[in-house]
Amino acid sequence: MTDHELLALSERNIRQARDIIRHTGVMEAFADAGGEAHVVGSVAMDLMMTHRDIDIHAYTPTLTVKDSFAVMEHIAECPNVTRMKYRNLLATDEACMEWHAWYAGEGGNELQLDIIHIQKGSRYDGYFERMAEHIKAALTPETRLAILRLKAETPCRTHVPGVEIYQAVLRDGVRTWADFAAWRKEHYVEGIIEWMP
């Protein structure tokens, strides 16, 4: 893929992601529940590529299973949302309900919304918003292209958290898939990667 094609694909995917956010009403659903929601991850950093998941972190002053289901019911009412699943992580350091909703887009394309409903004031309150701001501020045109290229070259069945690529490129100067694969063997972290430039 040329540089122009990489940028065009990323920009098209980000536009589609923002349309889906509007169509599902996810931001409004949390506002109506007395909370707030923020776009984080690759959409917030203008780094969306072939792995088209939309990351949203939402906060409410109180958080129970019942509260979370009530908000997600509104999102499930969107006709394009075809299925959902969740994990109850309220008893962990993450203090959240982790939701995944699949959205049927045009031409049968399916996109995934990863909505993390977090207890306001808990350990990760605002952390990933700050991470997105720091990474976006650290990008140059060259590093953005390097990140998009590594994302585009990631094999289909290989799950790579975006933050691994950002760290490898921005901190350690990695530019090729072969170098990234070697880097990853030395820097693997299980669980949440707490890094920002």
N, C-alpha and C. Protein backbone atom coordinates (compact mmCIF):
# COMPACT_ATOMS: atom_id res chain seq x y z
N MET A 1 0.84 -1.18 0.00
CA MET A 1 0.00 0.00 0.00
C MET A 1 0.89 1.25 0.00
N THR A 2 0.54 2.23 -0.80
CA THR A 2 1.30 3.48 -0.81
C THR A 2 0.95 4.30 0.43
N ASP A 3 1.77 5.32 0.70
CA ASP A 3 1.49 6.21 1.83
C ASP A 3 0.11 6.85 1.66
N HIS A 4 -0.18 7.29 0.45
CA HIS A 4 -1.48 7.92 0.18
C HIS A 4 -2.63 6.95 0.46
N GLU A 5 -2.48 5.71 0.05
CA GLU A 5 -3.54 4.71 0.28
C GLU A 5 -3.72 4.41 1.76
N LEU A 6 -2.61 4.34 2.50
CA LEU A 6 -2.69 4.12 3.95
C LEU A 6 -3.48 5.24 4.62
N LEU A 7 -3.14 6.48 4.29
CA LEU A 7 -3.81 7.63 4.90
C LEU A 7 -5.28 7.68 4.51
N ALA A 8 -5.57 7.40 3.25
CA ALA A 8 -6.96 7.44 2.78
C ALA A 8 -7.80 6.37 3.47
N LEU A 9 -7.26 5.16 3.64
CA LEU A 9 -7.99 4.09 4.31
C LEU A 9 -8.24 4.43 5.77
N SER A 10 -7.22 4.95 6.43
CA SER A 10 -7.36 5.33 7.83
C SER A 10 -8.44 6.41 7.99
N GLU A 11 -8.38 7.42 7.15
CA GLU A 11 -9.35 8.51 7.25
C GLU A 11 -10.77 8.04 6.95
N ARG A 12 -10.93 7.14 6.00
CA ARG A 12 -12.25 6.59 5.68
C ARG A 12 -12.79 5.79 6.86
N ASN A 13 -11.93 4.97 7.47
CA ASN A 13 -12.36 4.17 8.62
C ASN A 13 -12.74 5.04 9.82
N ILE A 14 -12.00 6.12 10.03
CA ILE A 14 -12.29 7.02 11.15
C ILE A 14 -13.63 7.73 10.92
N ARG A 15 -13.88 8.18 9.69
CA ARG A 15 -15.18 8.80 9.37
C ARG A 15 -16.32 7.83 9.64
N GLN A 16 -16.15 6.57 9.20
CA GLN A 16 -17.18 5.57 9.41
C GLN A 16 -17.38 5.31 10.90
N ALA A 17 -16.29 5.24 11.66
CA ALA A 17 -16.39 5.01 13.11
C ALA A 17 -17.17 6.14 13.77
N ARG A 18 -16.90 7.37 13.39
CA ARG A 18 -17.60 8.51 14.00
C ARG A 18 -19.08 8.50 13.62
N ASP A 19 -19.40 8.08 12.39
CA ASP A 19 -20.80 7.93 11.99
C ASP A 19 -21.51 6.88 12.85
N ILE A 20 -20.82 5.79 13.13
CA ILE A 20 -21.40 4.71 13.94
C ILE A 20 -21.62 5.18 15.38
N ILE A 21 -20.67 5.93 15.91
CA ILE A 21 -20.83 6.48 17.26
C ILE A 21 -22.09 7.34 17.32
N ARG A 22 -22.28 8.18 16.31
CA ARG A 22 -23.48 9.02 16.27
C ARG A 22 -24.74 8.17 16.13
N HIS A 23 -24.69 7.18 15.24
CA HIS A 23 -25.89 6.37 14.96
C HIS A 23 -26.33 5.54 16.16
N THR A 24 -25.39 5.02 16.92
CA THR A 24 -25.75 4.20 18.08
C THR A 24 -26.22 5.03 19.26
N GLY A 25 -25.88 6.32 19.29
CA GLY A 25 -26.28 7.17 20.41
C GLY A 25 -25.57 6.86 21.70
N VAL A 26 -24.38 6.27 21.62
CA VAL A 26 -23.68 5.83 22.83
C VAL A 26 -23.33 7.00 23.73
N MET A 27 -22.90 8.12 23.17
CA MET A 27 -22.52 9.27 24.00
C MET A 27 -23.75 9.81 24.74
N GLU A 28 -24.85 9.91 24.03
CA GLU A 28 -26.08 10.42 24.62
C GLU A 28 -26.63 9.46 25.69
N ALA A 29 -26.49 8.15 25.46
CA ALA A 29 -26.99 7.16 26.43
C ALA A 29 -26.31 7.34 27.78
N PHE A 30 -24.99 7.58 27.76
CA PHE A 30 -24.29 7.78 29.04
C PHE A 30 -24.60 9.14 29.64
N ALA A 31 -24.76 10.16 28.79
CA ALA A 31 -25.12 11.49 29.31
C ALA A 31 -26.49 11.43 29.98
N ASP A 32 -27.44 10.72 29.37
CA ASP A 32 -28.78 10.59 29.95
C ASP A 32 -28.75 9.86 31.30
N ALA A 33 -27.71 9.02 31.50
CA ALA A 33 -27.58 8.28 32.75
C ALA A 33 -26.76 9.07 33.79
N GLY A 34 -26.48 10.34 33.48
CA GLY A 34 -25.73 11.17 34.42
C GLY A 34 -24.23 11.00 34.33
N GLY A 35 -23.76 10.38 33.25
CA GLY A 35 -22.33 10.14 33.09
C GLY A 35 -21.78 10.86 31.88
N GLU A 36 -20.63 10.40 31.44
CA GLU A 36 -20.01 10.95 30.25
C GLU A 36 -19.22 9.86 29.56
N ALA A 37 -19.06 10.01 28.26
CA ALA A 37 -18.32 9.02 27.48
C ALA A 37 -17.31 9.75 26.60
N HIS A 38 -16.17 9.07 26.37
CA HIS A 38 -15.10 9.64 25.56
C HIS A 38 -14.61 8.61 24.55
N VAL A 39 -14.31 9.06 23.36
CA VAL A 39 -13.68 8.20 22.36
C VAL A 39 -12.19 8.15 22.69
N VAL A 40 -11.65 6.94 22.78
CA VAL A 40 -10.23 6.75 23.05
C VAL A 40 -9.67 5.84 21.95
N GLY A 41 -8.44 5.38 22.11
CA GLY A 41 -7.87 4.43 21.16
C GLY A 41 -7.59 5.03 19.80
N SER A 42 -7.60 4.16 18.80
CA SER A 42 -7.14 4.55 17.46
C SER A 42 -8.00 5.62 16.81
N VAL A 43 -9.29 5.66 17.12
CA VAL A 43 -10.15 6.70 16.53
C VAL A 43 -9.75 8.06 17.09
N ALA A 44 -9.53 8.14 18.40
CA ALA A 44 -9.16 9.41 19.03
C ALA A 44 -7.80 9.91 18.55
N MET A 45 -6.91 8.98 18.19
CA MET A 45 -5.55 9.35 17.80
C MET A 45 -5.37 9.45 16.29
N ASP A 46 -6.46 9.25 15.52
CA ASP A 46 -6.38 9.25 14.05
C ASP A 46 -5.44 8.16 13.56
N LEU A 47 -5.51 6.99 14.19
CA LEU A 47 -4.62 5.87 13.84
C LEU A 47 -5.40 4.59 13.53
N MET A 48 -6.67 4.72 13.17
CA MET A 48 -7.47 3.53 12.86
C MET A 48 -7.03 2.97 11.51
N MET A 49 -6.94 1.64 11.46
CA MET A 49 -6.50 1.02 10.22
C MET A 49 -7.39 -0.19 9.92
N THR A 50 -6.82 -1.37 9.79
CA THR A 50 -7.58 -2.54 9.36
C THR A 50 -8.32 -3.21 10.52
N HIS A 51 -7.82 -3.09 11.74
CA HIS A 51 -8.54 -3.63 12.90
C HIS A 51 -9.50 -2.54 13.36
N ARG A 52 -10.76 -2.66 12.94
CA ARG A 52 -11.69 -1.55 13.08
C ARG A 52 -12.57 -1.68 14.31
N ASP A 53 -11.95 -1.60 15.48
CA ASP A 53 -12.74 -1.55 16.70
C ASP A 53 -12.77 -0.10 17.18
N ILE A 54 -13.88 0.26 17.77
CA ILE A 54 -14.11 1.63 18.22
C ILE A 54 -14.10 1.61 19.74
N ASP A 55 -13.12 2.28 20.33
CA ASP A 55 -12.94 2.25 21.78
C ASP A 55 -13.60 3.45 22.43
N ILE A 56 -14.49 3.17 23.38
CA ILE A 56 -15.17 4.23 24.12
C ILE A 56 -15.06 3.91 25.61
N HIS A 57 -14.64 4.90 26.38
CA HIS A 57 -14.62 4.77 27.83
C HIS A 57 -15.68 5.69 28.40
N ALA A 58 -16.53 5.13 29.22
CA ALA A 58 -17.66 5.88 29.78
C ALA A 58 -17.62 5.81 31.29
N TYR A 59 -18.03 6.89 31.93
CA TYR A 59 -17.95 7.01 33.38
C TYR A 59 -19.29 7.43 33.95
N THR A 60 -19.68 6.79 35.05
CA THR A 60 -20.84 7.22 35.81
C THR A 60 -20.45 7.30 37.28
N PRO A 61 -21.12 8.18 38.05
CA PRO A 61 -20.75 8.35 39.46
C PRO A 61 -20.90 7.07 40.27
N THR A 62 -21.91 6.27 39.96
CA THR A 62 -22.06 4.96 40.58
C THR A 62 -22.12 3.93 39.46
N LEU A 63 -21.73 2.72 39.76
CA LEU A 63 -21.73 1.68 38.73
C LEU A 63 -22.11 0.35 39.34
N THR A 64 -23.24 -0.16 38.89
CA THR A 64 -23.68 -1.50 39.25
C THR A 64 -23.97 -2.24 37.95
N VAL A 65 -24.11 -3.54 38.06
CA VAL A 65 -24.47 -4.33 36.87
C VAL A 65 -25.78 -3.81 36.29
N LYS A 66 -26.74 -3.54 37.15
CA LYS A 66 -28.05 -3.05 36.70
C LYS A 66 -27.91 -1.72 35.97
N ASP A 67 -27.09 -0.80 36.53
CA ASP A 67 -26.87 0.50 35.88
C ASP A 67 -26.31 0.32 34.47
N SER A 68 -25.32 -0.56 34.36
CA SER A 68 -24.64 -0.75 33.09
C SER A 68 -25.57 -1.35 32.05
N PHE A 69 -26.35 -2.36 32.47
CA PHE A 69 -27.31 -2.96 31.53
C PHE A 69 -28.33 -1.93 31.08
N ALA A 70 -28.75 -1.04 31.96
CA ALA A 70 -29.76 -0.04 31.61
C ALA A 70 -29.24 0.89 30.51
N VAL A 71 -27.99 1.31 30.61
CA VAL A 71 -27.42 2.17 29.58
C VAL A 71 -27.25 1.40 28.27
N MET A 72 -26.74 0.20 28.37
CA MET A 72 -26.47 -0.57 27.15
C MET A 72 -27.74 -1.00 26.44
N GLU A 73 -28.86 -1.04 27.16
CA GLU A 73 -30.14 -1.36 26.52
C GLU A 73 -30.44 -0.34 25.42
N HIS A 74 -30.12 0.92 25.67
CA HIS A 74 -30.38 1.97 24.67
C HIS A 74 -29.53 1.75 23.42
N ILE A 75 -28.31 1.31 23.61
CA ILE A 75 -27.43 1.06 22.47
C ILE A 75 -27.90 -0.18 21.70
N ALA A 76 -28.37 -1.19 22.43
CA ALA A 76 -28.87 -2.41 21.80
C ALA A 76 -30.10 -2.15 20.95
N GLU A 77 -30.81 -1.06 21.21
CA GLU A 77 -31.99 -0.72 20.43
C GLU A 77 -31.66 -0.22 19.03
N CYS A 78 -30.41 0.16 18.79
CA CYS A 78 -30.00 0.57 17.45
C CYS A 78 -30.15 -0.64 16.53
N PRO A 79 -30.88 -0.53 15.44
CA PRO A 79 -31.14 -1.71 14.58
C PRO A 79 -29.88 -2.33 13.99
N ASN A 80 -28.80 -1.57 13.87
CA ASN A 80 -27.57 -2.12 13.31
C ASN A 80 -26.74 -2.89 14.33
N VAL A 81 -27.06 -2.76 15.61
CA VAL A 81 -26.34 -3.51 16.64
C VAL A 81 -26.95 -4.90 16.68
N THR A 82 -26.18 -5.88 16.24
CA THR A 82 -26.72 -7.23 16.05
C THR A 82 -26.46 -8.17 17.22
N ARG A 83 -25.43 -7.89 18.03
CA ARG A 83 -25.15 -8.73 19.20
C ARG A 83 -24.24 -7.98 20.15
N MET A 84 -24.28 -8.43 21.41
CA MET A 84 -23.47 -7.80 22.44
C MET A 84 -22.99 -8.87 23.41
N LYS A 85 -21.87 -8.58 24.08
CA LYS A 85 -21.44 -9.42 25.19
C LYS A 85 -20.73 -8.54 26.21
N TYR A 86 -20.62 -9.06 27.42
CA TYR A 86 -20.00 -8.25 28.46
C TYR A 86 -19.17 -9.12 29.39
N ARG A 87 -18.29 -8.43 30.14
CA ARG A 87 -17.53 -9.05 31.24
C ARG A 87 -17.68 -8.16 32.45
N ASN A 88 -17.98 -8.77 33.58
CA ASN A 88 -18.12 -8.03 34.82
C ASN A 88 -16.75 -7.99 35.50
N LEU A 89 -16.13 -6.80 35.49
CA LEU A 89 -14.82 -6.61 36.11
C LEU A 89 -14.90 -5.62 37.28
N LEU A 90 -16.09 -5.52 37.88
CA LEU A 90 -16.28 -4.56 38.96
C LEU A 90 -15.42 -4.87 40.19
N ALA A 91 -15.13 -6.14 40.42
CA ALA A 91 -14.36 -6.53 41.60
C ALA A 91 -12.85 -6.50 41.38
N THR A 92 -12.41 -6.01 40.22
CA THR A 92 -10.97 -5.94 39.90
C THR A 92 -10.49 -4.49 40.03
N ASP A 93 -9.18 -4.29 39.84
CA ASP A 93 -8.62 -2.93 39.85
C ASP A 93 -9.24 -2.07 38.74
N GLU A 94 -9.74 -2.72 37.69
CA GLU A 94 -10.31 -1.97 36.57
C GLU A 94 -11.67 -1.36 36.90
N ALA A 95 -12.38 -1.93 37.89
CA ALA A 95 -13.67 -1.40 38.37
C ALA A 95 -14.58 -1.01 37.21
N CYS A 96 -14.86 -1.97 36.34
CA CYS A 96 -15.63 -1.65 35.14
C CYS A 96 -16.50 -2.81 34.68
N MET A 97 -17.39 -2.47 33.78
CA MET A 97 -18.12 -3.45 32.97
C MET A 97 -17.58 -3.29 31.56
N GLU A 98 -17.10 -4.38 30.99
CA GLU A 98 -16.51 -4.35 29.65
C GLU A 98 -17.56 -4.87 28.67
N TRP A 99 -17.94 -4.03 27.73
CA TRP A 99 -18.97 -4.37 26.75
C TRP A 99 -18.38 -4.41 25.34
N HIS A 100 -18.89 -5.33 24.54
CA HIS A 100 -18.55 -5.41 23.11
C HIS A 100 -19.86 -5.48 22.35
N ALA A 101 -20.03 -4.58 21.40
CA ALA A 101 -21.24 -4.54 20.58
C ALA A 101 -20.83 -4.59 19.12
N TRP A 102 -21.48 -5.44 18.36
CA TRP A 102 -21.16 -5.58 16.93
C TRP A 102 -22.19 -4.82 16.11
N TYR A 103 -21.68 -4.00 15.20
CA TYR A 103 -22.49 -3.11 14.39
C TYR A 103 -22.40 -3.56 12.94
N ALA A 104 -23.53 -3.84 12.33
CA ALA A 104 -23.57 -4.27 10.92
C ALA A 104 -23.53 -3.04 10.03
N GLY A 105 -22.41 -2.85 9.35
CA GLY A 105 -22.25 -1.71 8.46
C GLY A 105 -22.67 -2.04 7.05
N GLU A 106 -22.37 -1.12 6.14
CA GLU A 106 -22.73 -1.30 4.73
C GLU A 106 -21.99 -2.48 4.13
N GLY A 107 -22.66 -3.18 3.22
CA GLY A 107 -22.03 -4.30 2.52
C GLY A 107 -21.69 -5.48 3.40
N GLY A 108 -22.36 -5.58 4.55
CA GLY A 108 -22.11 -6.71 5.44
C GLY A 108 -20.87 -6.56 6.30
N ASN A 109 -20.19 -5.40 6.22
CA ASN A 109 -19.03 -5.17 7.07
C ASN A 109 -19.47 -5.00 8.51
N GLU A 110 -18.77 -5.67 9.41
CA GLU A 110 -19.11 -5.60 10.83
C GLU A 110 -18.00 -4.88 11.58
N LEU A 111 -18.39 -3.92 12.38
CA LEU A 111 -17.43 -3.20 13.23
C LEU A 111 -17.78 -3.47 14.68
N GLN A 112 -16.79 -3.38 15.52
CA GLN A 112 -16.99 -3.69 16.94
C GLN A 112 -16.80 -2.43 17.78
N LEU A 113 -17.76 -2.18 18.65
CA LEU A 113 -17.63 -1.12 19.63
C LEU A 113 -17.18 -1.77 20.93
N ASP A 114 -16.06 -1.30 21.47
CA ASP A 114 -15.57 -1.76 22.77
C ASP A 114 -15.86 -0.64 23.76
N ILE A 115 -16.88 -0.85 24.56
CA ILE A 115 -17.34 0.18 25.49
C ILE A 115 -16.99 -0.26 26.90
N ILE A 116 -16.12 0.50 27.55
CA ILE A 116 -15.72 0.18 28.91
C ILE A 116 -16.44 1.16 29.83
N HIS A 117 -17.36 0.62 30.64
CA HIS A 117 -18.15 1.43 31.59
C HIS A 117 -17.41 1.38 32.92
N ILE A 118 -16.87 2.54 33.31
CA ILE A 118 -15.93 2.62 34.43
C ILE A 118 -16.52 3.41 35.58
N GLN A 119 -16.20 2.96 36.78
CA GLN A 119 -16.60 3.70 37.99
C GLN A 119 -15.82 5.02 38.06
N LYS A 120 -16.54 6.13 38.11
CA LYS A 120 -15.90 7.45 38.23
C LYS A 120 -15.02 7.47 39.48
N GLY A 121 -13.80 7.99 39.33
CA GLY A 121 -12.89 8.09 40.46
C GLY A 121 -12.05 6.85 40.72
N SER A 122 -12.24 5.81 39.92
CA SER A 122 -11.45 4.58 40.10
C SER A 122 -10.08 4.72 39.43
N ARG A 123 -9.27 3.70 39.55
CA ARG A 123 -7.87 3.76 39.13
C ARG A 123 -7.66 4.26 37.69
N TYR A 124 -8.49 3.80 36.74
CA TYR A 124 -8.27 4.14 35.34
C TYR A 124 -9.14 5.29 34.84
N ASP A 125 -9.74 6.01 35.75
CA ASP A 125 -10.55 7.17 35.38
C ASP A 125 -9.66 8.18 34.64
N GLY A 126 -9.90 8.37 33.35
CA GLY A 126 -9.18 9.35 32.55
C GLY A 126 -7.82 8.91 32.03
N TYR A 127 -7.34 7.74 32.46
CA TYR A 127 -5.99 7.33 32.08
C TYR A 127 -5.84 7.18 30.56
N PHE A 128 -6.79 6.50 29.91
CA PHE A 128 -6.63 6.23 28.48
C PHE A 128 -6.94 7.46 27.62
N GLU A 129 -7.68 8.40 28.18
CA GLU A 129 -7.84 9.68 27.49
C GLU A 129 -6.50 10.42 27.47
N ARG A 130 -5.80 10.43 28.62
CA ARG A 130 -4.49 11.07 28.68
C ARG A 130 -3.49 10.36 27.76
N MET A 131 -3.55 9.02 27.73
CA MET A 131 -2.67 8.27 26.85
C MET A 131 -2.89 8.69 25.39
N ALA A 132 -4.15 8.78 24.98
CA ALA A 132 -4.46 9.16 23.59
C ALA A 132 -3.93 10.56 23.29
N GLU A 133 -4.09 11.49 24.22
CA GLU A 133 -3.61 12.85 24.02
C GLU A 133 -2.09 12.88 23.88
N HIS A 134 -1.39 12.14 24.74
CA HIS A 134 0.07 12.12 24.70
C HIS A 134 0.58 11.50 23.39
N ILE A 135 -0.04 10.39 22.99
CA ILE A 135 0.41 9.73 21.76
C ILE A 135 0.14 10.62 20.55
N LYS A 136 -1.04 11.20 20.49
CA LYS A 136 -1.37 12.06 19.34
C LYS A 136 -0.42 13.25 19.27
N ALA A 137 -0.08 13.82 20.43
CA ALA A 137 0.84 14.97 20.46
C ALA A 137 2.26 14.57 20.03
N ALA A 138 2.63 13.31 20.25
CA ALA A 138 3.99 12.85 19.92
C ALA A 138 4.14 12.46 18.45
N LEU A 139 3.04 12.30 17.74
CA LEU A 139 3.10 11.84 16.35
C LEU A 139 3.70 12.90 15.42
N THR A 140 4.44 12.41 14.46
CA THR A 140 4.88 13.22 13.33
C THR A 140 4.26 12.57 12.09
N PRO A 141 4.26 13.24 10.95
CA PRO A 141 3.76 12.57 9.74
C PRO A 141 4.47 11.25 9.47
N GLU A 142 5.77 11.18 9.74
CA GLU A 142 6.53 9.95 9.48
C GLU A 142 6.15 8.84 10.46
N THR A 143 6.01 9.17 11.75
CA THR A 143 5.67 8.10 12.71
C THR A 143 4.22 7.65 12.54
N ARG A 144 3.35 8.57 12.15
CA ARG A 144 1.96 8.16 11.89
C ARG A 144 1.91 7.14 10.76
N LEU A 145 2.62 7.42 9.69
CA LEU A 145 2.67 6.47 8.57
C LEU A 145 3.30 5.15 8.98
N ALA A 146 4.35 5.20 9.80
CA ALA A 146 4.99 3.96 10.26
C ALA A 146 4.01 3.11 11.07
N ILE A 147 3.21 3.76 11.92
CA ILE A 147 2.21 3.04 12.72
C ILE A 147 1.13 2.45 11.83
N LEU A 148 0.62 3.25 10.89
CA LEU A 148 -0.43 2.76 10.00
C LEU A 148 0.08 1.59 9.16
N ARG A 149 1.32 1.66 8.72
CA ARG A 149 1.88 0.57 7.90
C ARG A 149 2.00 -0.72 8.74
N LEU A 150 2.50 -0.61 9.97
CA LEU A 150 2.60 -1.80 10.83
C LEU A 150 1.22 -2.38 11.10
N LYS A 151 0.23 -1.53 11.31
CA LYS A 151 -1.13 -2.02 11.53
C LYS A 151 -1.65 -2.74 10.28
N ALA A 152 -1.39 -2.15 9.11
CA ALA A 152 -1.86 -2.76 7.86
C ALA A 152 -1.17 -4.09 7.59
N GLU A 153 0.07 -4.23 8.05
CA GLU A 153 0.83 -5.46 7.81
C GLU A 153 0.62 -6.52 8.88
N THR A 154 -0.14 -6.21 9.92
CA THR A 154 -0.41 -7.19 10.96
C THR A 154 -1.25 -8.32 10.39
N PRO A 155 -0.81 -9.57 10.49
CA PRO A 155 -1.60 -10.69 9.96
C PRO A 155 -3.01 -10.71 10.56
N CYS A 156 -3.98 -11.10 9.75
CA CYS A 156 -5.40 -11.05 10.13
C CYS A 156 -5.70 -11.68 11.49
N ARG A 157 -5.14 -12.83 11.76
CA ARG A 157 -5.48 -13.55 12.98
C ARG A 157 -4.55 -13.25 14.16
N THR A 158 -3.71 -12.24 14.00
CA THR A 158 -2.79 -11.86 15.06
C THR A 158 -3.35 -10.66 15.80
N HIS A 159 -3.59 -10.84 17.11
CA HIS A 159 -4.10 -9.72 17.92
C HIS A 159 -2.92 -8.95 18.50
N VAL A 160 -2.83 -7.68 18.13
CA VAL A 160 -1.77 -6.82 18.64
C VAL A 160 -2.43 -5.57 19.20
N PRO A 161 -2.35 -5.33 20.51
CA PRO A 161 -2.87 -4.07 21.04
C PRO A 161 -2.14 -2.90 20.40
N GLY A 162 -2.90 -1.89 19.99
CA GLY A 162 -2.31 -0.75 19.33
C GLY A 162 -1.18 -0.12 20.12
N VAL A 163 -1.31 -0.08 21.45
CA VAL A 163 -0.29 0.57 22.28
C VAL A 163 1.07 -0.09 22.12
N GLU A 164 1.10 -1.38 21.80
CA GLU A 164 2.40 -2.03 21.55
C GLU A 164 3.08 -1.42 20.33
N ILE A 165 2.31 -1.20 19.28
CA ILE A 165 2.87 -0.60 18.07
C ILE A 165 3.29 0.84 18.35
N TYR A 166 2.47 1.59 19.06
CA TYR A 166 2.80 2.99 19.35
C TYR A 166 4.10 3.08 20.15
N GLN A 167 4.24 2.23 21.14
CA GLN A 167 5.44 2.22 21.98
C GLN A 167 6.67 1.84 21.16
N ALA A 168 6.52 0.81 20.33
CA ALA A 168 7.65 0.35 19.52
C ALA A 168 8.11 1.43 18.56
N VAL A 169 7.16 2.11 17.92
CA VAL A 169 7.51 3.13 16.93
C VAL A 169 8.01 4.41 17.61
N LEU A 170 7.24 4.91 18.57
CA LEU A 170 7.55 6.23 19.14
C LEU A 170 8.72 6.20 20.12
N ARG A 171 8.83 5.13 20.89
CA ARG A 171 9.91 5.08 21.89
C ARG A 171 11.17 4.43 21.35
N ASP A 172 10.97 3.33 20.56
CA ASP A 172 12.12 2.50 20.21
C ASP A 172 12.49 2.52 18.73
N GLY A 173 11.80 3.34 17.93
CA GLY A 173 12.21 3.54 16.55
C GLY A 173 11.94 2.38 15.60
N VAL A 174 11.06 1.47 15.96
CA VAL A 174 10.74 0.32 15.10
C VAL A 174 9.99 0.82 13.86
N ARG A 175 10.34 0.25 12.69
CA ARG A 175 9.70 0.69 11.45
C ARG A 175 9.21 -0.46 10.57
N THR A 176 9.68 -1.68 10.76
CA THR A 176 9.27 -2.78 9.88
C THR A 176 8.56 -3.86 10.70
N TRP A 177 7.75 -4.67 9.99
CA TRP A 177 7.04 -5.74 10.68
C TRP A 177 8.02 -6.74 11.29
N ALA A 178 9.09 -7.07 10.57
CA ALA A 178 10.07 -8.03 11.09
C ALA A 178 10.70 -7.51 12.38
N ASP A 179 11.04 -6.23 12.39
CA ASP A 179 11.62 -5.64 13.60
C ASP A 179 10.59 -5.59 14.73
N PHE A 180 9.35 -5.31 14.38
CA PHE A 180 8.30 -5.26 15.40
C PHE A 180 8.07 -6.64 16.01
N ALA A 181 8.04 -7.68 15.17
CA ALA A 181 7.84 -9.04 15.68
C ALA A 181 8.95 -9.41 16.66
N ALA A 182 10.18 -9.02 16.35
CA ALA A 182 11.30 -9.29 17.26
C ALA A 182 11.17 -8.45 18.52
N TRP A 183 10.80 -7.19 18.38
CA TRP A 183 10.61 -6.27 19.51
C TRP A 183 9.56 -6.83 20.47
N ARG A 184 8.49 -7.36 19.88
CA ARG A 184 7.37 -7.84 20.69
C ARG A 184 7.77 -9.02 21.57
N LYS A 185 8.64 -9.86 21.08
CA LYS A 185 9.10 -11.00 21.89
C LYS A 185 9.83 -10.54 23.14
N GLU A 186 10.52 -9.43 23.03
CA GLU A 186 11.30 -8.91 24.16
C GLU A 186 10.49 -8.03 25.10
N HIS A 187 9.37 -7.50 24.62
CA HIS A 187 8.63 -6.50 25.40
C HIS A 187 7.20 -6.93 25.73
N TYR A 188 6.90 -8.21 25.64
CA TYR A 188 5.52 -8.67 25.86
C TYR A 188 5.08 -8.35 27.30
N VAL A 189 3.88 -7.80 27.42
CA VAL A 189 3.27 -7.52 28.72
C VAL A 189 1.88 -8.14 28.72
N GLU A 190 1.58 -8.90 29.76
CA GLU A 190 0.23 -9.48 29.87
C GLU A 190 -0.65 -8.49 30.62
N GLY A 191 -1.85 -8.29 30.11
CA GLY A 191 -2.77 -7.36 30.77
C GLY A 191 -2.64 -5.95 30.20
N ILE A 192 -3.01 -4.98 31.01
CA ILE A 192 -3.03 -3.58 30.57
C ILE A 192 -1.61 -3.04 30.47
N ILE A 193 -1.31 -2.42 29.34
CA ILE A 193 0.00 -1.81 29.12
C ILE A 193 -0.11 -0.35 29.54
N GLU A 194 0.59 0.00 30.59
CA GLU A 194 0.54 1.38 31.08
C GLU A 194 1.78 2.11 30.57
N TRP A 195 1.64 2.69 29.40
CA TRP A 195 2.74 3.45 28.78
C TRP A 195 2.16 4.63 28.01
N MET A 196 2.86 5.73 28.07
CA MET A 196 2.56 6.84 27.19
C MET A 196 3.83 7.66 27.00
N PRO A 197 3.98 8.32 25.86
CA PRO A 197 5.21 9.10 25.62
C PRO A 197 5.22 10.37 26.50
